[in-house]
Amino acid sequence: MTETHAPRRLGRSIGALLAGFVTVVILSLGTDVVLHATGIFPPLGQHMSDALFLLATTYRLVYSVFGSYLMARLAPDRPMQHALVGGFIGLFLSTVGAVVTWNHVPSLGPHWYSLALIITAVPCAWLGGKLHLMQLRKNPAL
C-alpha cells in the first residue's frame, strides 16, 4: 500500500465502523422511543419487566448483527476484521456501561441485561461479518 492510499483506507475503515455504530444506536434508540410512545414500554424512569428487557435485548442483538454486517460491507478490505473490531469495541462499551450502571436504580435494567450485551457483542459481530462474507461468495461483485 502506498503512502497516498493509507490515509484514504484508514478513513474508509473508520467510516465503516462509525456507520455501523451510528446505525445500531439510531435503530436501538428509535425502537426504544417507539415502544415507549406506544405504551409497550412504560414511561422512562418506571420499572420494566424482565420480559420487556428480553424484548429490548432481542432487537439490540438483531441490530448489532446488522451493524456489523454494515461495517463489513463498507470496509475497504478485510471485512471480517472490521466487523470483529467493531465487536470488540462494542464489548468494551458494553462493559463500561455495565460497570457504570451496576449499582443504580432497577429502571436501568437487571444485571442479566448488561451481561447479555457484553457476552453477545463479539458473536453478533462475527455473525454480521460472516453474513457479508457469505454474500460475497454468492456475488463477488459486491
Protein backbone atom coordinates (compact mmCIF):
# COMPACT_ATOMS: atom_id res chain seq x y z
CA MET A 1 0.00 0.00 0.00
CA THR A 2 1.43 3.37 -0.94
CA GLU A 3 1.51 6.32 1.39
CA THR A 4 -1.22 8.11 -0.59
CA HIS A 5 -3.63 5.18 -0.21
CA ALA A 6 -3.03 4.55 3.51
CA PRO A 7 -4.90 7.64 4.84
CA ARG A 8 -7.77 7.01 2.43
CA ARG A 9 -8.11 3.37 3.52
CA LEU A 10 -7.87 4.35 7.17
CA GLY A 11 -10.58 6.96 6.65
CA ARG A 12 -12.81 4.40 4.93
CA SER A 13 -12.18 1.90 7.73
CA ILE A 14 -13.11 4.43 10.39
CA GLY A 15 -16.13 5.45 8.33
CA ALA A 16 -17.28 1.82 8.07
CA LEU A 17 -17.00 1.39 11.85
CA LEU A 18 -18.79 4.66 12.55
CA ALA A 19 -21.57 3.87 10.07
CA GLY A 20 -22.19 0.54 11.80
CA PHE A 21 -22.22 2.05 15.28
CA VAL A 22 -24.41 5.01 14.33
CA THR A 23 -26.87 2.66 12.64
CA VAL A 24 -27.11 0.44 15.73
CA VAL A 25 -27.57 3.43 18.05
CA ILE A 26 -30.23 5.05 15.87
CA LEU A 27 -32.16 1.80 15.41
CA SER A 28 -31.93 0.88 19.10
CA LEU A 29 -32.90 4.28 20.47
CA GLY A 30 -35.53 4.75 17.77
CA THR A 31 -37.14 1.43 18.67
CA ASP A 32 -36.99 2.36 22.36
CA VAL A 33 -38.77 5.65 21.65
CA VAL A 34 -41.47 3.96 19.56
CA LEU A 35 -42.06 1.29 22.20
CA HIS A 36 -42.31 3.92 24.95
CA ALA A 37 -44.62 6.11 22.84
CA THR A 38 -46.95 3.21 22.01
CA GLY A 39 -47.16 2.12 25.65
CA ILE A 40 -45.44 -1.22 25.13
CA PHE A 41 -42.62 0.04 27.33
CA PRO A 42 -43.58 2.02 30.45
CA PRO A 43 -42.68 5.72 30.70
CA LEU A 44 -38.99 6.45 31.24
CA GLY A 45 -37.90 6.05 34.83
CA GLN A 46 -40.52 3.39 35.61
CA HIS A 47 -39.64 -0.25 36.20
CA MET A 48 -39.71 -2.57 33.19
CA SER A 49 -40.37 -6.28 33.47
CA ASP A 50 -37.77 -8.87 32.56
CA ALA A 51 -39.93 -9.80 29.56
CA LEU A 52 -39.63 -6.25 28.21
CA PHE A 53 -35.88 -6.26 28.79
CA LEU A 54 -35.76 -9.56 26.89
CA LEU A 55 -37.56 -7.83 24.01
CA ALA A 56 -35.03 -4.96 24.14
CA THR A 57 -32.16 -7.46 24.22
CA THR A 58 -33.57 -9.30 21.21
CA TYR A 59 -33.84 -6.29 18.94
CA ARG A 60 -30.49 -4.96 20.08
CA LEU A 61 -28.88 -8.26 19.11
CA VAL A 62 -30.52 -8.14 15.67
CA TYR A 63 -29.39 -4.53 15.22
CA SER A 64 -25.86 -5.45 16.34
CA VAL A 65 -25.65 -8.17 13.72
CA PHE A 66 -26.92 -5.72 11.10
CA GLY A 67 -24.47 -3.02 12.21
CA SER A 68 -21.58 -5.48 11.99
CA TYR A 69 -22.76 -6.59 8.57
CA LEU A 70 -22.76 -2.93 7.52
CA MET A 71 -19.23 -2.45 8.88
CA ALA A 72 -18.05 -5.45 6.89
CA ARG A 73 -19.91 -4.33 3.77
CA LEU A 74 -18.44 -0.82 3.86
CA ALA A 75 -14.91 -1.91 4.80
CA PRO A 76 -12.30 -1.14 2.13
CA ASP A 77 -10.73 -4.58 2.75
CA ARG A 78 -10.70 -7.36 5.38
CA PRO A 79 -14.44 -7.18 6.11
CA MET A 80 -14.42 -9.76 8.91
CA GLN A 81 -11.65 -7.91 10.74
CA HIS A 82 -13.68 -4.71 10.56
CA ALA A 83 -16.75 -6.47 11.95
CA LEU A 84 -14.71 -8.02 14.77
CA VAL A 85 -13.01 -4.73 15.64
CA GLY A 86 -16.50 -3.28 15.93
CA GLY A 87 -17.49 -6.22 18.11
CA PHE A 88 -14.56 -5.72 20.47
CA ILE A 89 -15.32 -2.00 20.69
CA GLY A 90 -18.93 -2.97 21.48
CA LEU A 91 -17.66 -5.41 24.11
CA PHE A 92 -15.63 -2.64 25.72
CA LEU A 93 -18.52 -0.12 25.62
CA SER A 94 -20.99 -2.69 26.98
CA THR A 95 -18.60 -3.50 29.81
CA VAL A 96 -18.16 0.18 30.68
CA GLY A 97 -21.94 0.62 30.57
CA ALA A 98 -22.44 -2.33 32.91
CA VAL A 99 -19.82 -1.08 35.38
CA VAL A 100 -21.28 2.44 35.42
CA THR A 101 -24.89 1.29 35.89
CA TRP A 102 -24.36 -1.85 38.01
CA ASN A 103 -25.49 -0.35 41.34
CA HIS A 104 -28.06 2.12 40.01
CA VAL A 105 -31.82 2.05 40.24
CA PRO A 106 -33.50 -1.03 38.72
CA SER A 107 -35.06 1.01 35.88
CA LEU A 108 -31.65 0.95 34.17
CA GLY A 109 -32.06 -2.78 33.79
CA PRO A 110 -31.38 -6.04 35.54
CA HIS A 111 -27.83 -7.30 35.74
CA TRP A 112 -28.54 -10.08 33.23
CA TYR A 113 -29.39 -7.45 30.61
CA SER A 114 -25.97 -5.80 30.91
CA LEU A 115 -24.25 -9.18 30.94
CA ALA A 116 -26.17 -10.32 27.86
CA LEU A 117 -24.97 -7.30 25.90
CA ILE A 118 -21.37 -7.98 26.97
CA ILE A 119 -21.50 -11.70 26.18
CA THR A 120 -23.11 -11.28 22.76
CA ALA A 121 -21.09 -8.34 21.42
CA VAL A 122 -18.38 -10.35 19.67
CA PRO A 123 -20.60 -13.25 18.49
CA CYS A 124 -23.03 -10.75 16.92
CA ALA A 125 -20.13 -9.01 15.21
CA TRP A 126 -18.81 -12.32 13.89
CA LEU A 127 -22.26 -13.24 12.57
CA GLY A 128 -22.63 -9.88 10.81
CA GLY A 129 -19.21 -10.30 9.21
CA LYS A 130 -19.99 -13.91 8.26
CA LEU A 131 -23.26 -12.88 6.59
CA HIS A 132 -21.36 -10.39 4.45
CA LEU A 133 -18.70 -12.98 3.54
CA MET A 134 -21.43 -15.45 2.54
CA GLN A 135 -22.99 -12.75 0.39
CA LEU A 136 -19.59 -12.05 -1.22
CA ARG A 137 -19.20 -15.72 -2.14
CA LYS A 138 -22.56 -15.66 -3.91
CA ASN A 139 -21.93 -12.30 -5.59
CA PRO A 140 -18.22 -11.36 -5.74
CA ALA A 141 -19.07 -8.06 -7.45
CA LEU A 142 -20.23 -6.60 -4.12
